[in-house]
N, C-alpha and C. Protein backbone atom coordinates (compact mmCIF):
# COMPACT_ATOMS: atom_id res chain seq x y z
N MET A 1 51.96 70.76 -42.63
CA MET A 1 52.06 69.09 -42.46
C MET A 1 53.41 68.74 -42.73
N ARG A 2 53.89 68.39 -43.49
CA ARG A 2 55.41 68.67 -44.55
C ARG A 2 56.30 69.44 -43.25
N ALA A 3 56.16 70.33 -43.17
CA ALA A 3 57.02 70.78 -42.45
C ALA A 3 57.68 70.61 -41.53
N LYS A 4 56.83 70.32 -40.52
CA LYS A 4 56.66 69.68 -39.01
C LYS A 4 57.34 68.83 -39.54
N LEU A 5 57.49 67.70 -39.75
CA LEU A 5 58.21 66.49 -40.45
C LEU A 5 59.49 66.13 -40.54
N LEU A 6 59.99 67.21 -41.40
CA LEU A 6 60.70 67.79 -42.39
C LEU A 6 61.92 67.89 -41.68
N ILE A 7 61.36 68.75 -40.28
CA ILE A 7 62.60 70.00 -39.81
C ILE A 7 62.52 68.60 -38.47
N PRO A 8 62.53 68.08 -38.19
CA PRO A 8 62.73 66.88 -37.26
C PRO A 8 63.99 65.99 -38.02
N ALA A 9 63.44 65.83 -38.85
CA ALA A 9 63.88 64.25 -40.09
C ALA A 9 65.91 65.42 -40.39
N LEU A 10 65.99 66.19 -40.74
CA LEU A 10 66.97 67.34 -40.78
C LEU A 10 67.59 67.54 -39.60
N LEU A 11 67.00 67.79 -38.46
CA LEU A 11 68.04 67.69 -37.60
C LEU A 11 68.68 66.34 -37.13
N ALA A 12 67.82 65.27 -37.22
CA ALA A 12 68.26 63.99 -36.93
C ALA A 12 69.24 64.05 -37.61
N LEU A 13 69.26 63.91 -39.07
CA LEU A 13 70.46 63.58 -39.89
C LEU A 13 71.59 64.32 -39.94
N ALA A 14 71.39 65.85 -39.56
CA ALA A 14 72.62 67.01 -39.00
C ALA A 14 73.33 65.92 -37.65
N ALA A 15 72.32 65.36 -37.05
CA ALA A 15 73.53 65.02 -36.08
C ALA A 15 74.29 63.48 -35.78
N THR A 16 73.57 63.13 -37.30
CA THR A 16 74.58 61.72 -37.03
C THR A 16 75.30 62.22 -38.73
N ALA A 17 75.24 63.32 -39.17
CA ALA A 17 76.40 63.68 -40.02
C ALA A 17 77.72 63.60 -39.45
N PRO A 18 79.27 62.88 -39.54
CA PRO A 18 80.08 62.78 -39.20
C PRO A 18 80.92 64.82 -39.36
N ALA A 19 81.23 65.25 -37.95
CA ALA A 19 81.80 66.19 -38.01
C ALA A 19 82.65 66.55 -38.38
N GLN A 20 83.15 68.10 -38.96
CA GLN A 20 84.37 68.60 -39.35
C GLN A 20 85.35 68.70 -38.24
N SER A 21 86.51 68.82 -38.71
CA SER A 21 87.51 68.59 -37.67
C SER A 21 87.60 69.64 -38.09
N ALA A 22 88.11 70.94 -36.78
CA ALA A 22 88.37 72.86 -37.41
C ALA A 22 90.19 72.33 -37.36
N ALA A 23 90.93 71.36 -36.73
CA ALA A 23 91.88 71.12 -37.10
C ALA A 23 92.23 70.88 -38.19
N LYS A 24 91.84 69.76 -38.72
CA LYS A 24 91.73 69.21 -40.68
C LYS A 24 92.80 70.15 -41.17
N PRO A 25 94.02 70.33 -41.50
CA PRO A 25 94.66 71.01 -42.16
C PRO A 25 94.23 70.84 -43.80
N THR A 26 93.97 72.17 -44.47
CA THR A 26 93.92 72.26 -45.41
C THR A 26 94.78 72.38 -46.62
N PRO A 27 93.93 70.91 -47.93
CA PRO A 27 95.04 71.27 -48.85
C PRO A 27 95.30 72.53 -50.03
N THR A 28 97.06 71.84 -49.97
CA THR A 28 97.70 73.53 -50.54
C THR A 28 97.89 72.71 -51.89
N ALA A 29 97.61 74.19 -52.76
CA ALA A 29 97.88 74.05 -54.18
C ALA A 29 98.88 72.84 -54.92
N ASN A 30 98.89 71.67 -55.11
CA ASN A 30 99.56 71.05 -56.49
C ASN A 30 100.73 72.03 -57.60
N ILE A 31 101.78 71.93 -56.81
CA ILE A 31 102.32 73.53 -58.28
C ILE A 31 103.01 72.57 -59.44
N SER A 32 102.86 70.69 -59.13
CA SER A 32 104.49 70.22 -59.96
C SER A 32 104.14 70.72 -61.51
N ALA A 33 102.52 70.97 -61.70
CA ALA A 33 102.56 71.17 -63.36
C ALA A 33 103.64 72.33 -63.94
N LEU A 34 103.14 73.57 -63.05
CA LEU A 34 102.92 74.50 -62.94
C LEU A 34 104.84 74.99 -62.86
N LYS A 35 105.45 74.09 -61.90
CA LYS A 35 106.73 74.50 -61.89
C LYS A 35 107.21 73.12 -62.84
N LYS A 36 107.26 72.13 -63.80
CA LYS A 36 107.42 72.21 -64.77
C LYS A 36 107.47 73.06 -66.03
N ASP A 37 106.12 74.07 -65.99
CA ASP A 37 106.40 74.75 -67.29
C ASP A 37 107.18 75.89 -66.98
N VAL A 38 107.06 76.10 -65.94
CA VAL A 38 108.12 77.71 -65.53
C VAL A 38 109.78 77.38 -65.49
N LEU A 39 109.99 76.02 -65.64
CA LEU A 39 111.03 75.54 -65.48
C LEU A 39 112.12 75.17 -66.84
N ALA A 40 110.79 74.69 -67.84
CA ALA A 40 110.82 74.97 -69.49
C ALA A 40 111.19 76.10 -70.04
N ASN A 41 110.25 77.32 -69.12
CA ASN A 41 110.87 78.81 -69.34
C ASN A 41 111.80 79.12 -69.05
N MET A 42 112.11 78.98 -68.06
CA MET A 42 112.92 79.51 -67.10
C MET A 42 114.56 78.95 -68.44
N SER A 43 114.36 77.68 -68.59
CA SER A 43 115.32 77.30 -69.61
C SER A 43 115.56 78.35 -71.17
N THR A 44 114.77 78.43 -71.44
CA THR A 44 114.27 78.91 -72.35
C THR A 44 115.37 80.46 -72.48
N VAL A 45 114.56 81.09 -71.43
CA VAL A 45 114.76 82.63 -71.26
C VAL A 45 116.21 82.65 -70.96
N THR A 46 116.97 81.86 -69.77
CA THR A 46 118.20 81.88 -69.74
C THR A 46 119.20 81.47 -70.62
N ASP A 47 118.92 80.38 -71.65
CA ASP A 47 119.81 80.02 -72.70
C ASP A 47 119.53 81.41 -73.38
N LYS A 48 117.96 82.31 -73.87
CA LYS A 48 118.19 83.65 -74.87
C LYS A 48 119.20 84.61 -74.18
N PHE A 49 118.99 84.92 -72.85
CA PHE A 49 119.27 86.28 -72.34
C PHE A 49 121.38 86.08 -72.48
N ILE A 50 121.26 84.34 -72.23
CA ILE A 50 122.86 84.03 -72.34
C ILE A 50 123.43 84.51 -73.70
N GLN A 51 122.53 84.34 -74.68
CA GLN A 51 123.40 84.62 -76.27
C GLN A 51 123.26 85.36 -76.23
N LEU A 52 122.09 86.66 -75.79
CA LEU A 52 122.15 87.77 -76.42
C LEU A 52 123.03 88.59 -75.76
N ALA A 53 123.45 88.42 -74.37
CA ALA A 53 124.61 88.75 -73.71
C ALA A 53 125.98 88.53 -74.21
N ASN A 54 125.94 87.73 -74.44
CA ASN A 54 127.54 86.97 -75.52
C ASN A 54 127.44 88.35 -76.78
N ALA A 55 126.58 88.39 -77.42
CA ALA A 55 126.33 88.81 -78.70
C ALA A 55 126.58 90.13 -78.95
N VAL A 56 126.00 90.96 -77.77
CA VAL A 56 125.99 92.51 -77.59
C VAL A 56 127.91 92.67 -77.38
N PRO A 57 128.33 93.49 -78.14
CA PRO A 57 130.40 93.94 -77.96
C PRO A 57 129.72 94.64 -76.58
N ALA A 58 130.96 94.03 -76.03
CA ALA A 58 131.64 94.75 -74.79
C ALA A 58 131.20 96.23 -74.17
N ASP A 59 131.29 96.88 -75.52
CA ASP A 59 132.08 98.71 -75.08
C ASP A 59 130.19 98.98 -75.20
N ARG A 60 129.34 98.65 -75.86
CA ARG A 60 127.98 98.44 -75.43
C ARG A 60 127.07 98.50 -74.17
N TYR A 61 128.06 97.82 -73.49
CA TYR A 61 127.09 97.49 -72.48
C TYR A 61 127.21 99.08 -71.46
N THR A 62 127.35 100.06 -71.46
CA THR A 62 127.32 100.85 -70.87
C THR A 62 126.13 101.63 -71.24
N TRP A 63 125.69 101.54 -72.69
CA TRP A 63 125.00 102.13 -73.81
C TRP A 63 123.43 102.35 -73.18
N ARG A 64 123.09 103.37 -73.00
CA ARG A 64 121.27 103.68 -72.55
C ARG A 64 120.47 104.66 -73.01
N PRO A 65 119.51 104.00 -73.06
CA PRO A 65 118.65 105.09 -74.26
C PRO A 65 118.17 106.24 -73.27
N ALA A 66 118.12 106.43 -72.43
CA ALA A 66 117.97 108.11 -71.64
C ALA A 66 119.04 108.04 -70.55
N PRO A 67 119.44 109.44 -70.43
CA PRO A 67 119.87 109.52 -69.04
C PRO A 67 118.85 109.00 -67.43
N GLY A 68 119.13 108.31 -66.99
CA GLY A 68 118.19 107.31 -65.66
C GLY A 68 117.58 106.32 -65.92
N VAL A 69 117.35 105.44 -67.55
CA VAL A 69 117.14 104.10 -67.73
C VAL A 69 118.58 103.54 -67.27
N ARG A 70 118.70 102.44 -66.89
CA ARG A 70 119.13 101.10 -67.24
C ARG A 70 120.06 100.86 -68.14
N SER A 71 121.43 101.26 -67.90
CA SER A 71 122.21 100.96 -69.01
C SER A 71 121.48 99.30 -69.56
N ILE A 72 122.49 98.40 -70.43
CA ILE A 72 122.41 97.43 -70.76
C ILE A 72 122.84 96.59 -69.61
N ALA A 73 124.35 96.66 -69.34
CA ALA A 73 124.80 95.76 -67.83
C ALA A 73 123.08 95.72 -67.34
N GLU A 74 123.27 97.06 -66.46
CA GLU A 74 122.54 97.37 -65.71
C GLU A 74 120.99 96.31 -65.93
N VAL A 75 120.61 96.45 -66.48
CA VAL A 75 118.81 95.76 -66.98
C VAL A 75 119.91 93.93 -66.79
N PHE A 76 120.79 93.73 -67.51
CA PHE A 76 121.35 92.31 -67.40
C PHE A 76 120.99 91.57 -65.56
N LEU A 77 122.19 92.65 -64.88
CA LEU A 77 122.03 92.68 -64.08
C LEU A 77 120.98 92.55 -63.20
N HIS A 78 120.07 93.61 -63.44
CA HIS A 78 118.73 94.14 -62.53
C HIS A 78 118.07 91.94 -62.20
N VAL A 79 118.05 91.80 -64.12
CA VAL A 79 117.20 90.50 -63.97
C VAL A 79 118.08 89.29 -62.96
N SER A 80 119.56 89.60 -63.15
CA SER A 80 120.36 88.88 -62.78
C SER A 80 120.12 88.95 -60.58
N ASN A 81 119.80 89.89 -60.63
CA ASN A 81 119.47 90.66 -58.95
C ASN A 81 117.92 89.91 -59.11
N ALA A 82 116.97 90.69 -59.52
CA ALA A 82 115.89 89.99 -59.28
C ALA A 82 115.64 88.31 -59.26
N GLN A 83 116.25 87.35 -59.51
CA GLN A 83 116.50 86.09 -59.01
C GLN A 83 116.85 85.84 -57.63
N TYR A 84 117.56 86.62 -57.35
CA TYR A 84 118.29 86.46 -55.48
C TYR A 84 117.17 87.13 -55.01
N VAL A 85 116.72 88.21 -55.45
CA VAL A 85 115.07 89.04 -54.24
C VAL A 85 113.92 88.06 -54.29
N PHE A 86 113.70 87.73 -55.31
CA PHE A 86 112.66 87.41 -55.70
C PHE A 86 112.81 85.74 -55.02
N GLY A 87 113.51 85.40 -55.08
CA GLY A 87 114.07 84.19 -54.78
C GLY A 87 114.26 83.72 -53.04
N ALA A 88 114.36 84.55 -52.87
CA ALA A 88 115.16 84.93 -51.07
C ALA A 88 113.41 84.05 -50.35
N ASN A 89 112.29 83.72 -50.56
CA ASN A 89 111.67 83.26 -50.45
C ASN A 89 111.39 81.83 -50.27
N ILE A 90 112.05 81.27 -51.40
CA ILE A 90 111.69 80.40 -51.64
C ILE A 90 113.07 79.04 -51.64
N GLY A 91 114.24 80.14 -50.92
CA GLY A 91 115.92 78.99 -51.01
C GLY A 91 116.72 79.31 -51.68
N VAL A 92 116.32 80.56 -52.84
CA VAL A 92 118.21 81.13 -53.17
C VAL A 92 118.74 81.07 -52.30
N ALA A 93 120.02 80.08 -53.30
CA ALA A 93 121.36 80.59 -52.53
C ALA A 93 122.01 82.08 -52.74
N LYS A 94 121.98 82.48 -52.27
CA LYS A 94 122.51 84.57 -52.72
C LYS A 94 124.84 83.96 -52.78
N PRO A 95 125.21 84.76 -53.16
CA PRO A 95 126.61 84.69 -54.09
C PRO A 95 127.52 85.50 -52.75
N ALA A 96 128.10 85.16 -52.14
CA ALA A 96 129.13 85.40 -51.00
C ALA A 96 129.29 87.30 -51.73
N GLY A 97 129.49 87.63 -50.52
CA GLY A 97 129.26 89.42 -50.89
C GLY A 97 128.30 89.95 -51.31
N TYR A 98 127.25 88.97 -51.49
CA TYR A 98 125.93 89.53 -52.37
C TYR A 98 125.34 90.66 -51.52
N ASP A 99 124.90 91.91 -51.94
CA ASP A 99 124.38 92.96 -52.00
C ASP A 99 123.41 93.73 -52.55
N ALA A 100 121.77 93.57 -52.75
CA ALA A 100 120.90 93.54 -53.83
C ALA A 100 120.86 95.36 -53.75
N THR A 101 121.25 96.05 -52.67
CA THR A 101 120.81 97.44 -52.97
C THR A 101 121.98 97.45 -53.56
N THR A 102 122.96 97.53 -53.93
CA THR A 102 124.42 97.69 -55.20
C THR A 102 124.99 96.82 -56.67
N PHE A 103 123.92 95.73 -56.20
CA PHE A 103 124.06 94.30 -57.38
C PHE A 103 124.01 94.87 -58.91
N GLU A 104 123.37 95.78 -58.85
CA GLU A 104 122.56 96.06 -60.50
C GLU A 104 124.15 97.28 -61.14
N THR A 105 124.74 97.97 -60.49
CA THR A 105 125.45 98.78 -60.60
C THR A 105 126.90 98.25 -60.59
N SER A 106 127.27 96.97 -60.28
CA SER A 106 128.44 96.26 -59.17
C SER A 106 129.70 96.62 -60.59
N THR A 107 129.08 96.15 -61.80
CA THR A 107 130.23 96.03 -63.01
C THR A 107 129.63 96.74 -64.37
N THR A 108 130.59 96.61 -65.62
CA THR A 108 130.06 96.82 -66.44
C THR A 108 130.54 95.76 -67.41
N ASP A 109 131.72 94.77 -66.54
CA ASP A 109 132.93 94.03 -67.04
C ASP A 109 131.42 92.53 -67.91
N LYS A 110 131.69 92.69 -69.26
CA LYS A 110 130.53 91.69 -69.52
C LYS A 110 130.94 90.14 -69.19
N ALA A 111 132.44 89.85 -69.21
CA ALA A 111 132.49 88.52 -68.77
C ALA A 111 131.97 88.10 -67.00
N GLN A 112 132.27 88.91 -66.65
CA GLN A 112 131.71 89.12 -65.06
C GLN A 112 129.62 89.09 -64.94
N ILE A 113 129.81 89.73 -65.75
CA ILE A 113 128.19 89.98 -65.95
C ILE A 113 127.91 88.40 -66.63
N ILE A 114 127.79 88.08 -67.48
CA ILE A 114 127.35 86.76 -68.16
C ILE A 114 127.40 85.65 -67.38
N ALA A 115 128.67 85.93 -66.68
CA ALA A 115 128.80 84.96 -65.10
C ALA A 115 128.03 85.61 -64.21
N ALA A 116 127.38 85.96 -64.06
CA ALA A 116 126.75 86.34 -63.00
C ALA A 116 125.48 86.27 -63.13
N MET A 117 124.75 86.19 -64.33
CA MET A 117 123.87 85.84 -64.91
C MET A 117 123.65 84.46 -65.09
N LYS A 118 124.23 83.59 -65.22
CA LYS A 118 124.43 82.17 -65.25
C LYS A 118 124.53 81.52 -63.85
N ALA A 119 124.96 82.18 -63.30
CA ALA A 119 125.39 81.91 -61.24
C ALA A 119 123.50 82.10 -61.13
N ALA A 120 122.84 83.13 -61.40
CA ALA A 120 121.73 83.98 -60.50
C ALA A 120 120.56 82.69 -61.24
N PHE A 121 120.40 83.06 -62.51
CA PHE A 121 119.28 81.72 -63.61
C PHE A 121 119.80 80.34 -62.35
N THR A 122 120.96 79.86 -62.42
CA THR A 122 120.69 78.30 -61.97
C THR A 122 120.74 78.31 -60.72
N ALA A 123 120.73 79.94 -59.72
CA ALA A 123 120.16 79.52 -57.93
C ALA A 123 117.96 79.29 -58.82
N MET A 124 118.31 80.31 -59.32
CA MET A 124 116.21 79.94 -59.00
C MET A 124 115.94 79.06 -60.07
N THR A 125 116.29 78.32 -60.57
CA THR A 125 116.45 77.18 -60.96
C THR A 125 116.38 75.86 -60.28
N THR A 126 117.37 75.66 -59.62
CA THR A 126 117.46 74.58 -58.58
C THR A 126 116.78 74.89 -57.06
N ALA A 127 115.41 76.65 -56.73
CA ALA A 127 115.55 76.81 -55.50
C ALA A 127 113.45 75.96 -56.42
N ILE A 128 113.43 75.88 -57.63
CA ILE A 128 112.24 75.98 -57.77
C ILE A 128 112.16 74.62 -57.80
N GLN A 129 113.31 73.86 -58.44
CA GLN A 129 113.37 72.42 -58.88
C GLN A 129 112.90 71.70 -57.20
N ALA A 130 113.33 72.46 -55.99
CA ALA A 130 113.19 71.70 -54.99
C ALA A 130 112.03 72.29 -54.40
N LEU A 131 111.69 72.95 -54.36
CA LEU A 131 109.62 73.38 -53.84
C LEU A 131 109.06 72.10 -54.05
N PRO A 132 108.67 72.03 -52.83
CA PRO A 132 107.38 70.96 -52.61
C PRO A 132 106.93 70.89 -53.49
N ASP A 133 106.08 69.79 -54.04
CA ASP A 133 105.02 70.14 -55.25
C ASP A 133 103.69 70.84 -54.13
N ASN A 134 103.13 70.36 -53.11
CA ASN A 134 101.97 71.41 -52.37
C ASN A 134 102.08 72.29 -51.50
N SER A 135 103.29 73.13 -52.64
CA SER A 135 103.40 74.15 -51.66
C SER A 135 103.23 75.20 -52.01
N GLY A 136 102.11 75.40 -53.45
CA GLY A 136 102.08 76.25 -54.20
C GLY A 136 100.86 77.71 -53.84
N ASP A 137 100.29 77.43 -52.45
CA ASP A 137 99.63 78.83 -51.41
C ASP A 137 100.26 78.43 -50.26
N ALA A 138 101.93 78.18 -50.09
CA ALA A 138 102.79 79.00 -48.98
C ALA A 138 102.93 79.95 -49.76
N THR A 139 102.44 81.10 -48.19
CA THR A 139 102.37 82.30 -48.34
C THR A 139 104.02 83.09 -47.76
N PHE A 140 103.97 83.94 -47.98
CA PHE A 140 105.35 85.35 -47.44
C PHE A 140 104.67 86.07 -48.07
N LYS A 141 105.63 87.23 -47.20
CA LYS A 141 105.71 88.70 -48.01
C LYS A 141 106.62 88.96 -49.04
N LEU A 142 106.58 89.94 -49.89
CA LEU A 142 107.56 90.39 -51.09
C LEU A 142 106.95 91.91 -51.58
N PHE A 143 108.07 92.51 -51.24
CA PHE A 143 107.79 93.96 -51.60
C PHE A 143 106.16 94.44 -50.54
N ASP A 144 106.13 94.03 -49.59
CA ASP A 144 104.93 94.59 -48.62
C ASP A 144 103.51 94.21 -49.34
N THR A 145 103.84 92.46 -50.05
CA THR A 145 102.60 92.53 -50.70
C THR A 145 102.57 90.99 -50.22
N ASP A 146 101.43 90.31 -49.89
CA ASP A 146 100.92 88.89 -50.09
C ASP A 146 101.13 87.79 -51.35
N TYR A 147 102.24 87.04 -51.03
CA TYR A 147 102.67 86.16 -52.06
C TYR A 147 102.29 84.81 -51.93
N THR A 148 102.25 84.21 -52.87
CA THR A 148 101.91 82.35 -52.47
C THR A 148 103.16 81.97 -53.82
N ASN A 149 103.81 81.01 -53.02
CA ASN A 149 105.28 80.26 -53.91
C ASN A 149 104.49 80.28 -55.26
N ARG A 150 102.77 80.26 -55.66
CA ARG A 150 102.94 80.14 -56.92
C ARG A 150 102.43 81.16 -57.87
N LYS A 151 102.21 82.29 -56.93
CA LYS A 151 102.24 83.23 -57.69
C LYS A 151 103.45 84.13 -57.60
N LEU A 152 104.62 83.70 -57.01
CA LEU A 152 105.94 84.24 -56.82
C LEU A 152 106.25 83.29 -58.58
N LEU A 153 106.11 82.03 -58.72
CA LEU A 153 106.40 81.41 -60.21
C LEU A 153 105.80 82.49 -61.50
N ILE A 154 104.88 82.89 -61.03
CA ILE A 154 103.59 83.72 -62.16
C ILE A 154 105.08 85.14 -62.23
N LEU A 155 105.25 85.46 -61.02
CA LEU A 155 105.63 87.08 -61.36
C LEU A 155 107.29 86.70 -62.08
N GLU A 156 107.75 85.61 -61.93
CA GLU A 156 109.29 84.71 -62.01
C GLU A 156 109.00 85.19 -63.35
N THR A 157 108.45 84.48 -64.00
CA THR A 157 107.67 83.94 -65.67
C THR A 157 107.66 85.59 -66.25
N ASP A 158 106.78 86.55 -65.83
CA ASP A 158 106.36 87.52 -66.66
C ASP A 158 107.60 88.76 -66.12
N HIS A 159 108.29 88.92 -64.70
CA HIS A 159 109.65 89.47 -64.94
C HIS A 159 110.33 89.63 -66.07
N ASN A 160 110.98 87.90 -65.67
CA ASN A 160 111.71 87.56 -66.64
C ASN A 160 111.87 88.37 -68.57
N ALA A 161 110.42 87.72 -68.55
CA ALA A 161 110.10 88.04 -70.25
C ALA A 161 109.75 89.52 -70.34
N GLU A 162 109.42 90.51 -69.58
CA GLU A 162 109.35 91.40 -69.98
C GLU A 162 111.06 92.36 -70.25
N HIS A 163 112.17 92.23 -68.88
CA HIS A 163 113.51 92.20 -69.60
C HIS A 163 114.24 91.34 -70.31
N LEU A 164 113.48 90.34 -70.93
CA LEU A 164 113.67 89.87 -72.31
C LEU A 164 113.63 90.80 -73.07
N GLY A 165 112.57 91.02 -73.47
CA GLY A 165 111.83 91.72 -74.43
C GLY A 165 112.81 93.31 -74.68
N GLN A 166 113.36 93.94 -73.62
CA GLN A 166 113.40 94.87 -73.72
C GLN A 166 115.32 95.06 -73.43
N SER A 167 115.84 94.18 -73.22
CA SER A 167 117.18 93.48 -73.57
C SER A 167 117.76 93.33 -75.38
N ILE A 168 116.12 92.61 -75.67
CA ILE A 168 115.70 92.73 -77.69
C ILE A 168 116.49 94.23 -78.21
N ALA A 169 115.13 94.69 -77.37
CA ALA A 169 115.17 96.02 -77.83
C ALA A 169 116.42 97.06 -77.78
N TYR A 170 116.88 96.56 -77.18
CA TYR A 170 118.48 97.59 -76.25
C TYR A 170 119.25 96.94 -77.97
N ALA A 171 119.20 95.41 -77.84
CA ALA A 171 120.31 94.98 -78.39
C ALA A 171 120.12 95.71 -80.11
N ARG A 172 119.19 95.55 -80.83
CA ARG A 172 119.04 95.90 -82.14
C ARG A 172 118.84 97.31 -82.51
N VAL A 173 118.48 98.24 -81.42
CA VAL A 173 118.68 99.52 -81.14
C VAL A 173 120.42 100.47 -81.65
N ASN A 174 120.94 98.80 -81.02
CA ASN A 174 122.88 98.80 -81.25
C ASN A 174 123.50 97.84 -82.06
N GLY A 175 121.81 97.49 -83.21
CA GLY A 175 122.59 97.06 -83.93
C GLY A 175 123.41 95.01 -84.28
N VAL A 176 122.82 95.33 -82.68
CA VAL A 176 122.54 93.24 -82.72
C VAL A 176 121.70 92.93 -83.20
N VAL A 177 120.98 91.95 -83.46
CA VAL A 177 120.05 90.73 -83.96
C VAL A 177 120.26 89.89 -83.30
N PRO A 178 119.23 89.38 -82.02
CA PRO A 178 119.54 87.88 -81.35
C PRO A 178 119.98 87.27 -82.17
N PRO A 179 120.92 86.44 -81.88
CA PRO A 179 121.36 85.43 -82.54
C PRO A 179 120.37 83.84 -82.73
N TRP A 180 119.11 84.47 -82.16
CA TRP A 180 118.14 82.91 -82.51
C TRP A 180 117.27 83.27 -83.45
N SER A 181 117.46 84.78 -83.58
CA SER A 181 116.52 85.03 -84.92
C SER A 181 116.89 85.37 -85.80
N VAL A 182 118.75 84.73 -86.00
CA VAL A 182 119.52 84.74 -87.01
C VAL A 182 119.15 83.34 -87.53
N LYS A 183 118.94 82.37 -86.75
CA LYS A 183 118.77 80.79 -86.83
C LYS A 183 117.47 80.85 -87.76
N MET A 184 116.28 81.15 -87.50
CA MET A 184 114.77 81.25 -88.06
C MET A 184 115.34 81.35 -89.25
């Protein structure tokens, strides 16, 4: 008997409930806190890369641990190149004449590489700062994979850390102590 009374009551309640609009926009993830953390990390990583690049002697920039493995210069340029490749989807400004396919082997000149690193990190930092806070779920394709702005910020941090560690190992093998380690 209760079921006979409950069903009509539920139907009446459902009929009076406000209808959900199919066109209602889905809120997007707020990434303001993530941006703040990534930008803080970018500042630290940029500083360490530049310190390390300055500390490595120019004649060691062509050193590589084995044939077919990136040299010191190529790793620094690879990290710089990634700022442009990853950042293309969030508005990173590329330098004049930029070509992603040749950038990593474009020079072994220490001063040019340091300048390229500074410019690339500045371009990425500027683009991250300009991301709207509610754009965390904005999607795009990168390397034939679906990405969100949030996922890109995580990739950015992870990739920089991976190659900073690689660069530290390369430097130490060449007798260079990371300058920030000396201060400790």
